[in-house]
Amino acid sequence: MPEMKQACAVERNAEDIRVLLMTAAVAVPKRKIRRGPPAKPPHIIERAPRSKGGRTMLYIYDAGEEVPTGLALDQRDDAETMCDLYKLQKGAKERGIVAPRSIPVVAALAHLLDADKPVSIAKKVARLDYLNRSTRLATLAKFFADDTLGNVTMTRCKAFIEWRITLPDARYTPGNPLAPLAQEASAREDLYELKKAIDLYANEHALAWRPEVYLPKAGPGRTRWLRPAEIDRIYWAIRGRIWDHETGGWKTETVADENGNVVTRRVLRCREAIQARRMLRRFVFIGLITGTRNTAMRELRWQITDEGGCFDLEAGLIHRRGFGLDPNVGKPRVSSRISPRTVATLERWRRADRTAGIDHVLHKLDGTPYLDSPRHLWRTVMEDAGLGADVVPHTLRHTAATMLRIAGVDVRQGADALGMAVQTMVRVYGQWTLAGQEEAAEALADIRGLRKAMPLLSLVPSLPQPVVMAVPANDDREPKAAPSARRSVNAVGSRTPATVPTTPLPASARLAIVA
């Protein structure tokens, strides 16, 4: 019900947001259209002096307006040059070369919202996309209400990010005390919508200038994946158990049973909470087995539809996209094969749902589907399982991809099974496979490999040796004294000096000493 109320509220406000943005678009400067014959282009006129003894001055006359040049009659050539410059500036303004800096930002936002409005919002996917964009554009319009395109600078965009992360997450119902604050990634998505709106407005209105919208660098991708022990803890938390960080095990309590005996048992959540969590058993299972994204999982059904994916258990396939949707829109949703063991589990769920008249694979207790991600339910289960906030629903997909790479599955086969690009599979999860490194490890561990390479080392050119200049024969400088021999003391404590071999001096040095 909260998700339905939120969607209805956004739908009611969508038209209000559009009217607000379109009203602000009236402030866009437009070119004046005059009726009748074309006006005479700007030209130079003369004006007699107002006082006796003054000089005749030149003015630029343009459609009833006189622009002073500050030049006298004898400077007519300079005045004509100034008139030509005035014509160029006027033409530039009329063609949008200078005027774009004064266009309000809300005008570009309103133009994008009006252009993005679907012809028919009967389809749920198109309606939700339009409502989500309306919410983002309304947030941008609230911050850039008094700004023009000339004010869209890097400093202003960074100020928007600082302001945006102080607001609650727009995906939650307004006024919800449990709504977390928006992240920097949300502010980046908002600025991306701003850039898209400005680019669309500039292209369709032939603007010769547009601001560069600052987009912060995207943070590192999520690489968190679940270990088998953590998966077991999630399943037990769905069944009602609570993890105790102090003891490193499940929380227990000591009570007296009906016979008066003192017993120790595990603490469990209430029956209503456990019943509400039953859906997460399917959510976690499908996410780990198929690697399907959060939104695609919530749209899965037991029969073929146009708007969402489905399970074809007879053929052993999962179709992540509705057959009536464009495969080129949104993230890739491909069809993949599922194992017979997975089909057996899904068949039991399908029989139970068909008996109750339920079509969606993931549904609430009353059989209605989830219109939004079950964030609150997921977060409470992760807290009971003793896992941090870094474990999000998308972690299930990362876990599936990591398991495929650890198992040594071919990169292309693993990418096809998850509906993932091969480049992403190699770049994000390639390190886990360590395939093809056995020969390299053996070569580094075997010293014979270095011996085999010795003949090749002789072919490598050696470094040039430094040239040592000989001491000239007529050099009368005294040579440096040889370093004094140190006395070595053996373990017994003998003071007998050790013999140090003396290096013979060059001939030139001996001659210098004799002289």
Protein backbone atom coordinates (compact mmCIF):
# COMPACT_ATOMS: atom_id res chain seq x y z
CA MET A 1 0.00 0.00 0.00
CA PRO A 2 2.76 2.60 0.72
CA GLU A 3 4.20 2.04 -2.75
CA MET A 4 0.75 2.46 -4.35
CA LYS A 5 0.08 5.64 -2.38
CA GLN A 6 3.46 7.06 -3.38
CA ALA A 7 2.88 6.31 -7.08
CA CYS A 8 -0.59 7.89 -6.97
CA ALA A 9 0.75 10.98 -5.22
CA VAL A 10 3.49 11.45 -7.80
CA GLU A 11 0.98 10.93 -10.59
CA ARG A 12 -1.29 13.65 -9.19
CA ASN A 13 1.61 16.06 -8.86
CA ALA A 14 3.08 15.33 -12.30
CA GLU A 15 0.71 17.68 -14.09
CA ASP A 16 1.24 20.36 -11.43
CA ILE A 17 5.01 20.09 -11.92
CA ARG A 18 4.58 20.39 -15.68
CA VAL A 19 2.37 23.49 -15.36
CA LEU A 20 4.91 25.08 -13.01
CA LEU A 21 7.81 24.52 -15.38
CA MET A 22 5.89 25.63 -18.46
CA THR A 23 4.77 28.79 -16.68
CA ALA A 24 8.39 29.64 -15.96
CA ALA A 25 9.22 29.07 -19.62
CA VAL A 26 7.28 32.22 -20.52
CA ALA A 27 10.29 34.25 -19.37
CA VAL A 28 12.35 33.05 -22.34
CA PRO A 29 13.22 36.03 -24.53
CA LYS A 30 11.68 35.70 -27.97
CA ARG A 31 12.34 37.59 -31.18
CA LYS A 32 9.87 40.37 -31.85
CA ILE A 33 7.83 39.92 -35.03
CA ARG A 34 6.78 43.17 -36.75
CA ARG A 35 4.01 43.40 -39.28
CA GLY A 36 4.09 45.46 -42.43
CA PRO A 37 7.05 46.24 -44.66
CA PRO A 38 10.51 45.32 -43.38
CA ALA A 39 12.12 47.95 -41.22
CA LYS A 40 15.05 49.95 -42.52
CA PRO A 41 18.34 48.54 -41.26
CA PRO A 42 20.36 50.54 -38.74
CA HIS A 43 22.05 53.55 -40.29
CA ILE A 44 23.88 56.76 -39.33
CA ILE A 45 21.97 60.00 -38.85
CA GLU A 46 23.06 63.53 -37.92
CA ARG A 47 21.76 65.56 -35.01
CA ALA A 48 22.30 69.30 -34.75
CA PRO A 49 23.84 70.65 -31.57
CA ARG A 50 21.40 71.67 -28.83
CA SER A 51 23.44 74.66 -27.72
CA LYS A 52 25.12 77.43 -29.63
CA GLY A 53 28.68 76.61 -30.45
CA GLY A 54 28.18 72.84 -30.20
CA ARG A 55 29.14 70.25 -32.77
CA THR A 56 26.92 68.10 -34.97
CA MET A 57 26.94 64.54 -33.57
CA LEU A 58 26.34 61.21 -35.28
CA TYR A 59 23.80 58.61 -34.01
CA ILE A 60 22.82 55.08 -35.02
CA TYR A 61 19.11 55.04 -35.87
CA ASP A 62 17.40 51.65 -35.44
CA ALA A 63 13.58 51.29 -35.59
CA GLY A 64 12.86 54.54 -33.79
CA GLU A 65 15.73 54.25 -31.32
CA GLU A 66 18.80 56.46 -31.47
CA VAL A 67 22.05 55.06 -30.16
CA PRO A 68 24.72 57.73 -29.59
CA THR A 69 28.13 57.06 -31.07
CA GLY A 70 29.97 59.93 -29.36
CA LEU A 71 31.53 60.89 -32.71
CA ALA A 72 31.37 64.20 -34.53
CA LEU A 73 30.56 64.89 -38.16
CA ASP A 74 34.19 64.76 -39.22
CA GLN A 75 34.49 61.19 -37.87
CA ARG A 76 31.87 59.62 -40.11
CA ASP A 77 34.09 56.70 -41.21
CA ASP A 78 34.53 55.59 -37.61
CA ALA A 79 30.78 55.96 -37.07
CA GLU A 80 30.05 53.73 -40.07
CA THR A 81 32.38 51.10 -38.64
CA MET A 82 30.57 51.32 -35.31
CA CYS A 83 27.23 50.94 -37.13
CA ASP A 84 28.46 47.77 -38.84
CA LEU A 85 29.48 46.36 -35.45
CA TYR A 86 26.07 47.24 -34.08
CA LYS A 87 24.41 45.30 -36.92
CA LEU A 88 26.53 42.22 -36.15
CA GLN A 89 25.69 42.37 -32.46
CA LYS A 90 22.00 42.73 -33.19
CA GLY A 91 22.03 39.80 -35.58
CA ALA A 92 23.87 37.69 -33.03
CA LYS A 93 21.24 38.39 -30.40
CA GLU A 94 18.40 37.59 -32.78
CA ARG A 95 20.01 34.27 -33.73
CA GLY A 96 20.64 33.21 -30.16
CA ILE A 97 24.39 33.73 -30.01
CA VAL A 98 24.31 36.01 -26.97
CA ALA A 99 20.77 35.46 -25.67
CA PRO A 100 21.28 31.84 -24.45
CA ARG A 101 23.03 33.09 -21.33
CA SER A 102 19.81 34.79 -20.25
CA ILE A 103 17.49 31.81 -20.83
CA PRO A 104 16.04 30.50 -17.53
CA VAL A 105 17.09 27.00 -16.55
CA VAL A 106 13.48 26.07 -15.78
CA ALA A 107 12.63 26.74 -19.43
CA ALA A 108 14.98 23.97 -20.54
CA LEU A 109 13.60 21.65 -17.83
CA ALA A 110 10.04 22.33 -18.94
CA HIS A 111 10.99 21.68 -22.56
CA LEU A 112 12.44 18.26 -21.66
CA LEU A 113 9.42 17.31 -19.56
CA ASP A 114 7.03 18.26 -22.34
CA ALA A 115 9.10 16.43 -24.98
CA ASP A 116 9.42 13.30 -22.83
CA LYS A 117 5.69 13.01 -22.15
CA PRO A 118 4.54 9.75 -23.80
CA VAL A 119 1.71 9.78 -26.28
CA SER A 120 -0.16 7.28 -24.13
CA ILE A 121 0.67 6.58 -20.50
CA ALA A 122 -1.43 3.42 -20.40
CA LYS A 123 1.68 1.26 -20.15
CA LYS A 124 3.01 1.00 -16.65
CA VAL A 125 6.68 1.20 -17.63
CA ALA A 126 6.24 4.41 -19.63
CA ARG A 127 4.13 5.95 -16.89
CA LEU A 128 6.65 5.18 -14.13
CA ASP A 129 9.58 6.48 -16.19
CA TYR A 130 7.74 9.73 -16.86
CA LEU A 131 6.83 10.14 -13.19
CA ASN A 132 10.41 9.48 -12.07
CA ARG A 133 11.72 12.09 -14.50
CA SER A 134 9.07 14.56 -13.32
CA THR A 135 10.32 14.14 -9.75
CA ARG A 136 13.94 14.76 -10.75
CA LEU A 137 13.10 17.81 -12.85
CA ALA A 138 11.00 19.24 -10.01
CA THR A 139 14.01 18.93 -7.68
CA LEU A 140 16.22 20.72 -10.22
CA ALA A 141 13.60 23.45 -10.74
CA LYS A 142 13.46 24.07 -7.01
CA PHE A 143 17.20 24.74 -6.79
CA PHE A 144 17.72 26.53 -10.15
CA ALA A 145 14.47 28.53 -9.94
CA ASP A 146 16.17 31.93 -10.34
CA ASP A 147 19.16 30.87 -12.44
CA THR A 148 19.80 31.27 -16.15
CA LEU A 149 21.98 29.14 -18.40
CA GLY A 150 24.83 31.56 -17.81
CA ASN A 151 24.75 30.70 -14.10
CA VAL A 152 25.20 26.95 -14.66
CA THR A 153 28.84 26.75 -13.64
CA MET A 154 30.92 24.14 -11.87
CA THR A 155 30.58 26.02 -8.58
CA ARG A 156 26.81 26.16 -8.92
CA CYS A 157 26.59 22.43 -9.75
CA LYS A 158 28.72 21.55 -6.72
CA ALA A 159 26.45 23.70 -4.57
CA PHE A 160 23.50 21.68 -5.90
CA ILE A 161 25.20 18.45 -4.85
CA GLU A 162 25.79 19.79 -1.33
CA TRP A 163 22.13 20.85 -1.15
CA ARG A 164 20.78 17.62 -2.63
CA ILE A 165 22.42 15.27 -0.13
CA THR A 166 20.68 17.10 2.72
CA LEU A 167 17.23 16.11 1.39
CA PRO A 168 15.53 12.76 2.00
CA ASP A 169 15.49 10.13 -0.72
CA ALA A 170 12.77 11.06 -3.23
CA ARG A 171 11.84 7.41 -3.72
CA TYR A 172 10.24 7.35 -0.28
CA THR A 173 6.89 8.82 0.64
CA PRO A 174 7.20 12.52 1.62
CA GLY A 175 7.34 12.89 5.37
CA ASN A 176 8.44 9.30 5.97
CA PRO A 177 10.72 9.38 9.06
CA LEU A 178 12.49 6.22 7.89
CA ALA A 179 13.53 7.75 4.57
CA PRO A 180 17.35 8.03 4.36
CA LEU A 181 19.16 11.04 2.93
CA ALA A 182 19.94 11.14 -0.75
CA GLN A 183 23.37 9.99 -1.88
CA GLU A 184 25.81 11.76 -4.18
CA ALA A 185 24.89 9.28 -6.90
CA SER A 186 21.32 10.63 -6.87
CA ALA A 187 22.62 14.19 -7.25
CA ARG A 188 24.74 13.02 -10.18
CA GLU A 189 21.67 11.54 -11.86
CA ASP A 190 19.84 14.83 -11.35
CA LEU A 191 22.68 16.77 -12.98
CA TYR A 192 22.66 14.30 -15.85
CA GLU A 193 18.98 15.14 -16.42
CA LEU A 194 19.90 18.84 -16.33
CA LYS A 195 22.56 18.29 -18.99
CA LYS A 196 20.10 16.35 -21.12
CA ALA A 197 17.51 19.12 -20.83
CA ILE A 198 19.98 21.87 -21.78
CA ASP A 199 21.35 19.88 -24.73
CA LEU A 200 17.85 19.18 -26.05
CA TYR A 201 16.83 22.81 -25.74
CA ALA A 202 20.03 24.03 -27.40
CA ASN A 203 19.73 21.59 -30.31
CA GLU A 204 16.08 22.27 -31.07
CA HIS A 205 16.41 26.06 -30.73
CA ALA A 206 19.74 26.23 -32.63
CA LEU A 207 21.62 27.89 -29.81
CA ALA A 208 25.24 28.63 -30.61
CA TRP A 209 26.31 28.35 -26.97
CA ARG A 210 25.42 26.08 -24.11
CA PRO A 211 26.91 25.64 -20.63
CA GLU A 212 28.98 22.63 -19.66
CA VAL A 213 27.15 20.90 -16.83
CA TYR A 214 29.56 19.59 -14.21
CA LEU A 215 29.11 15.87 -13.54
CA PRO A 216 31.09 14.37 -10.66
CA LYS A 217 32.96 11.19 -11.36
CA ALA A 218 31.02 8.04 -10.68
CA GLY A 219 32.13 6.17 -7.59
CA PRO A 220 33.64 2.68 -7.70
CA GLY A 221 31.21 -0.04 -8.66
CA ARG A 222 29.87 -2.44 -6.08
CA THR A 223 32.03 -5.52 -5.70
CA ARG A 224 30.46 -6.89 -2.52
CA TRP A 225 29.40 -10.51 -2.83
CA LEU A 226 28.00 -13.01 -0.34
CA ARG A 227 29.93 -15.96 1.05
CA PRO A 228 28.07 -19.25 1.61
CA ALA A 229 27.97 -18.68 5.38
CA GLU A 230 26.41 -15.25 4.86
CA ILE A 231 23.78 -16.71 2.53
CA ASP A 232 22.83 -19.22 5.22
CA ARG A 233 22.50 -16.42 7.77
CA ILE A 234 20.16 -14.52 5.43
CA TYR A 235 17.89 -17.55 5.06
CA TRP A 236 17.82 -18.07 8.84
CA ALA A 237 17.07 -14.37 9.40
CA ILE A 238 14.12 -14.69 7.02
CA ARG A 239 12.87 -17.45 9.29
CA GLY A 240 13.02 -15.08 12.26
CA ARG A 241 16.43 -15.54 13.88
CA ILE A 242 18.52 -12.59 15.13
CA TRP A 243 22.32 -12.43 14.91
CA ASP A 244 24.28 -11.41 18.00
CA HIS A 245 27.52 -9.58 17.17
CA GLU A 246 28.89 -9.90 20.71
CA THR A 247 28.77 -13.69 20.79
CA GLY A 248 29.22 -14.24 17.06
CA GLY A 249 26.14 -16.47 16.92
CA TRP A 250 22.38 -16.38 17.04
CA LYS A 251 20.82 -14.50 19.92
CA THR A 252 19.45 -16.75 22.68
CA GLU A 253 17.40 -16.32 25.83
CA THR A 254 16.97 -18.37 29.02
CA VAL A 255 13.35 -19.04 30.02
CA ALA A 256 11.32 -21.57 31.97
CA ASP A 257 9.21 -24.04 30.03
CA GLU A 258 5.71 -25.25 30.90
CA ASN A 259 7.19 -27.83 33.31
CA GLY A 260 9.24 -25.23 35.19
CA ASN A 261 12.55 -26.33 33.73
CA VAL A 262 15.07 -23.63 32.76
CA VAL A 263 15.93 -23.91 29.06
CA THR A 264 17.93 -21.84 26.59
CA ARG A 265 16.35 -21.15 23.21
CA ARG A 266 16.93 -18.89 20.23
CA VAL A 267 15.17 -15.55 20.05
CA LEU A 268 12.73 -15.33 17.13
CA ARG A 269 10.72 -12.53 15.57
CA CYS A 270 6.94 -12.50 15.90
CA ARG A 271 4.80 -14.65 13.64
CA GLU A 272 3.52 -11.64 11.61
CA ALA A 273 7.06 -10.50 10.82
CA ILE A 274 8.10 -13.99 9.72
CA GLN A 275 5.05 -14.24 7.46
CA ALA A 276 5.89 -10.89 5.84
CA ARG A 277 9.45 -12.08 5.15
CA ARG A 278 8.44 -15.20 3.26
CA MET A 279 8.64 -13.36 -0.04
CA LEU A 280 12.36 -12.74 0.49
CA ARG A 281 13.03 -16.48 0.30
CA ARG A 282 12.00 -16.36 -3.35
CA PHE A 283 13.73 -13.03 -3.86
CA VAL A 284 17.09 -14.31 -2.60
CA PHE A 285 16.76 -17.66 -4.37
CA ILE A 286 15.97 -16.17 -7.79
CA GLY A 287 18.63 -13.48 -7.41
CA LEU A 288 21.36 -16.02 -6.61
CA ILE A 289 20.32 -18.67 -9.14
CA THR A 290 19.61 -16.42 -12.13
CA GLY A 291 21.43 -13.16 -11.29
CA THR A 292 18.37 -11.12 -12.31
CA ARG A 293 18.15 -7.47 -11.31
CA ASN A 294 15.78 -6.17 -8.66
CA THR A 295 13.23 -4.54 -10.97
CA ALA A 296 13.16 -7.44 -13.44
CA MET A 297 12.56 -9.92 -10.60
CA ARG A 298 9.56 -7.99 -9.28
CA GLU A 299 7.99 -8.05 -12.77
CA LEU A 300 8.32 -11.82 -13.27
CA ARG A 301 5.10 -13.77 -13.81
CA TRP A 302 4.09 -17.37 -14.30
CA GLN A 303 2.76 -16.73 -17.80
CA ILE A 304 3.84 -14.77 -20.87
CA THR A 305 2.97 -11.05 -20.82
CA ASP A 306 3.84 -7.90 -22.76
CA GLU A 307 4.89 -5.73 -19.82
CA GLY A 308 7.14 -8.03 -17.76
CA GLY A 309 9.26 -11.14 -17.83
CA CYS A 310 8.15 -14.67 -17.04
CA PHE A 311 9.33 -18.22 -16.29
CA ASP A 312 8.92 -20.82 -19.02
CA LEU A 313 9.28 -23.90 -16.84
CA GLU A 314 8.37 -26.33 -19.62
CA ALA A 315 11.34 -25.12 -21.68
CA GLY A 316 13.55 -24.39 -18.65
CA LEU A 317 13.97 -20.68 -19.49
CA ILE A 318 13.66 -17.31 -17.81
CA HIS A 319 12.56 -14.37 -19.96
CA ARG A 320 13.55 -11.17 -18.17
CA ARG A 321 11.79 -8.77 -20.57
CA GLY A 322 8.17 -8.55 -21.64
CA PHE A 323 7.54 -9.56 -25.24
CA GLY A 324 5.87 -6.22 -25.96
CA LEU A 325 8.80 -4.05 -24.84
CA ASP A 326 11.60 -2.61 -26.95
CA PRO A 327 14.83 -4.55 -26.28
CA ASN A 328 16.90 -1.44 -27.09
CA VAL A 329 15.40 0.62 -24.24
CA GLY A 330 16.80 0.35 -20.72
CA LYS A 331 19.27 -2.16 -19.38
CA PRO A 332 19.63 -5.47 -21.22
CA ARG A 333 17.14 -8.16 -20.23
CA VAL A 334 17.88 -11.35 -22.08
CA SER A 335 16.49 -14.85 -21.84
CA SER A 336 18.59 -17.51 -20.12
CA ARG A 337 18.39 -21.18 -19.31
CA ILE A 338 17.79 -22.46 -15.76
CA SER A 339 18.78 -25.81 -14.32
CA PRO A 340 16.33 -28.71 -13.76
CA ARG A 341 16.79 -28.43 -9.98
CA THR A 342 15.72 -24.78 -10.15
CA VAL A 343 12.73 -25.74 -12.31
CA ALA A 344 11.62 -28.28 -9.69
CA THR A 345 11.58 -25.59 -6.97
CA LEU A 346 9.77 -23.11 -9.18
CA GLU A 347 7.13 -25.68 -10.10
CA ARG A 348 6.17 -26.07 -6.45
CA TRP A 349 5.81 -22.29 -6.12
CA ARG A 350 3.75 -22.07 -9.31
CA ARG A 351 1.28 -24.73 -8.18
CA ALA A 352 0.76 -22.92 -4.87
CA ASP A 353 0.28 -19.54 -6.58
CA ARG A 354 -2.11 -20.83 -9.23
CA THR A 355 -4.22 -22.45 -6.55
CA ALA A 356 -4.48 -19.04 -4.85
CA GLY A 357 -5.05 -17.23 -8.17
CA ILE A 358 -1.75 -15.32 -8.05
CA ASP A 359 0.15 -14.52 -11.25
CA HIS A 360 3.26 -12.65 -10.00
CA VAL A 361 6.19 -14.72 -8.75
CA LEU A 362 7.07 -12.16 -6.04
CA HIS A 363 3.98 -10.90 -4.25
CA LYS A 364 2.74 -9.70 -0.89
CA LEU A 365 0.63 -11.71 1.54
CA ASP A 366 -2.56 -10.52 -0.16
CA GLY A 367 -1.25 -11.56 -3.59
CA THR A 368 -0.60 -8.05 -4.94
CA PRO A 369 2.75 -7.38 -6.65
CA TYR A 370 5.48 -5.09 -5.36
CA LEU A 371 5.41 -1.80 -7.25
CA ASP A 372 8.67 -0.71 -5.64
CA SER A 373 11.70 -2.40 -4.15
CA PRO A 374 11.04 -3.87 -0.67
CA ARG A 375 13.81 -1.75 0.88
CA HIS A 376 12.48 -1.67 4.44
CA LEU A 377 11.87 -5.42 4.51
CA TRP A 378 15.30 -6.13 3.04
CA ARG A 379 17.05 -3.83 5.50
CA THR A 380 15.43 -5.40 8.57
CA VAL A 381 16.39 -8.90 7.41
CA MET A 382 20.00 -7.85 6.75
CA GLU A 383 20.19 -6.32 10.25
CA ASP A 384 18.89 -9.54 11.79
CA ALA A 385 21.44 -11.49 9.72
CA GLY A 386 24.26 -9.33 11.08
CA LEU A 387 25.17 -7.86 7.68
CA GLY A 388 25.98 -4.21 6.99
CA ALA A 389 24.39 -1.61 4.77
CA ASP A 390 26.74 -2.56 1.91
CA VAL A 391 24.61 -5.67 1.26
CA VAL A 392 21.88 -4.41 -1.08
CA PRO A 393 19.53 -6.38 -3.36
CA HIS A 394 21.96 -5.90 -6.27
CA THR A 395 24.53 -7.84 -4.23
CA LEU A 396 22.71 -11.03 -5.25
CA ARG A 397 23.63 -10.39 -8.88
CA HIS A 398 27.27 -9.73 -7.94
CA THR A 399 27.31 -12.97 -5.99
CA ALA A 400 25.98 -14.97 -8.94
CA ALA A 401 28.60 -13.48 -11.29
CA THR A 402 31.42 -14.08 -8.81
CA MET A 403 30.39 -17.69 -8.27
CA LEU A 404 30.44 -18.32 -12.02
CA ARG A 405 33.95 -16.92 -12.32
CA ILE A 406 35.24 -18.89 -9.33
CA ALA A 407 33.73 -22.07 -10.79
CA GLY A 408 35.73 -21.49 -13.99
CA VAL A 409 32.72 -21.06 -16.28
CA ASP A 410 33.52 -19.62 -19.70
CA VAL A 411 33.26 -15.84 -19.77
CA ARG A 412 30.82 -15.73 -22.68
CA GLN A 413 28.61 -18.45 -21.23
CA GLY A 414 28.51 -16.74 -17.84
CA ALA A 415 27.69 -13.36 -19.40
CA ASP A 416 24.87 -14.88 -21.46
CA ALA A 417 23.42 -16.63 -18.42
CA LEU A 418 23.25 -13.37 -16.43
CA GLY A 419 22.36 -11.02 -19.26
CA MET A 420 25.63 -9.15 -18.79
CA ALA A 421 28.14 -7.71 -21.23
CA VAL A 422 31.26 -9.80 -21.71
CA GLN A 423 33.45 -6.73 -21.10
CA THR A 424 31.77 -6.18 -17.72
CA MET A 425 32.19 -9.84 -16.83
CA VAL A 426 35.93 -9.67 -17.52
CA ARG A 427 36.57 -6.20 -16.05
CA VAL A 428 34.68 -6.59 -12.77
CA TYR A 429 34.92 -10.31 -12.07
CA GLY A 430 37.93 -11.39 -14.14
CA GLN A 431 40.39 -11.55 -11.25
CA TRP A 432 38.46 -14.33 -9.50
CA THR A 433 38.99 -16.92 -12.22
CA LEU A 434 42.86 -16.97 -12.23
CA ALA A 435 42.55 -19.21 -15.27
CA GLY A 436 45.60 -19.80 -17.43
CA GLN A 437 48.11 -18.87 -14.72
CA GLU A 438 49.28 -22.39 -13.88
CA GLU A 439 52.09 -22.38 -16.46
CA ALA A 440 53.22 -18.91 -15.36
CA ALA A 441 53.36 -19.99 -11.72
CA GLU A 442 55.38 -23.11 -12.58
CA ALA A 443 57.80 -21.10 -14.70
CA LEU A 444 58.48 -18.70 -11.84
CA ALA A 445 58.99 -21.55 -9.37
CA ASP A 446 61.34 -23.57 -11.61
CA ILE A 447 64.96 -22.34 -11.59
CA ARG A 448 65.60 -24.27 -14.78
CA GLY A 449 63.60 -21.66 -16.61
CA LEU A 450 66.28 -19.11 -15.80
CA ARG A 451 69.02 -21.46 -17.02
CA LYS A 452 67.22 -21.92 -20.30
CA ALA A 453 67.14 -18.16 -20.68
CA MET A 454 70.91 -17.73 -20.14
CA PRO A 455 71.83 -18.14 -23.86
CA LEU A 456 69.34 -15.41 -24.66
CA LEU A 457 70.93 -13.04 -22.16
CA SER A 458 74.15 -13.05 -24.21
CA LEU A 459 72.24 -11.44 -27.06
CA VAL A 460 71.17 -8.52 -24.90
CA PRO A 461 73.59 -5.58 -25.39
CA SER A 462 75.51 -4.74 -22.23
CA LEU A 463 75.54 -1.29 -20.71
CA PRO A 464 78.51 0.92 -21.73
CA GLN A 465 81.34 0.96 -19.16
CA PRO A 466 82.42 4.33 -17.77
CA VAL A 467 85.70 5.72 -19.16
CA VAL A 468 88.42 6.17 -16.46
CA MET A 469 90.98 8.84 -17.28
CA ALA A 470 94.62 8.05 -16.45
CA VAL A 471 96.61 10.38 -14.16
CA PRO A 472 98.88 12.65 -16.27
CA ALA A 473 102.62 12.06 -15.89
CA ASN A 474 103.37 15.71 -14.98
CA ASP A 475 100.64 15.88 -12.32
CA ASP A 476 102.43 17.01 -9.07
CA ARG A 477 99.33 16.62 -6.90
CA GLU A 478 99.80 14.28 -3.99
CA PRO A 479 97.66 11.15 -4.23
CA LYS A 480 95.11 10.38 -1.61
CA ALA A 481 96.40 8.36 1.28
CA ALA A 482 95.38 4.73 1.25
CA PRO A 483 92.73 3.82 3.78
CA SER A 484 94.20 2.67 7.04
CA ALA A 485 93.95 -1.02 7.70
CA ARG A 486 91.50 -1.94 10.41
CA ARG A 487 92.46 -4.39 13.13
CA SER A 488 90.22 -7.41 13.26
CA VAL A 489 89.58 -9.02 16.62
CA ASN A 490 88.74 -12.70 16.68
CA ALA A 491 86.32 -14.38 19.06
CA VAL A 492 89.08 -15.15 21.57
CA GLY A 493 89.96 -11.48 21.91
CA SER A 494 93.33 -11.57 20.20
CA ARG A 495 94.88 -8.18 19.34
CA THR A 496 96.93 -9.48 16.45
CA PRO A 497 96.29 -7.22 13.47
CA ALA A 498 95.01 -8.89 10.40
CA THR A 499 97.08 -8.74 7.23
CA VAL A 500 95.59 -6.38 4.70
CA PRO A 501 96.75 -6.72 1.10
CA THR A 502 98.13 -3.50 -0.21
CA THR A 503 97.22 -2.32 -3.68
CA PRO A 504 100.23 -1.26 -5.75
CA LEU A 505 100.18 2.39 -6.78
CA PRO A 506 100.38 3.42 -10.42
CA ALA A 507 103.78 4.26 -11.84
CA SER A 508 102.98 7.92 -12.15
CA ALA A 509 101.96 8.10 -8.53
CA ARG A 510 105.22 6.40 -7.35
CA LEU A 511 107.28 8.88 -9.35
CA ALA A 512 105.43 11.75 -7.78
CA ILE A 513 106.19 10.50 -4.31
CA VAL A 514 109.95 10.06 -5.01
CA ALA A 515 110.23 13.58 -6.37
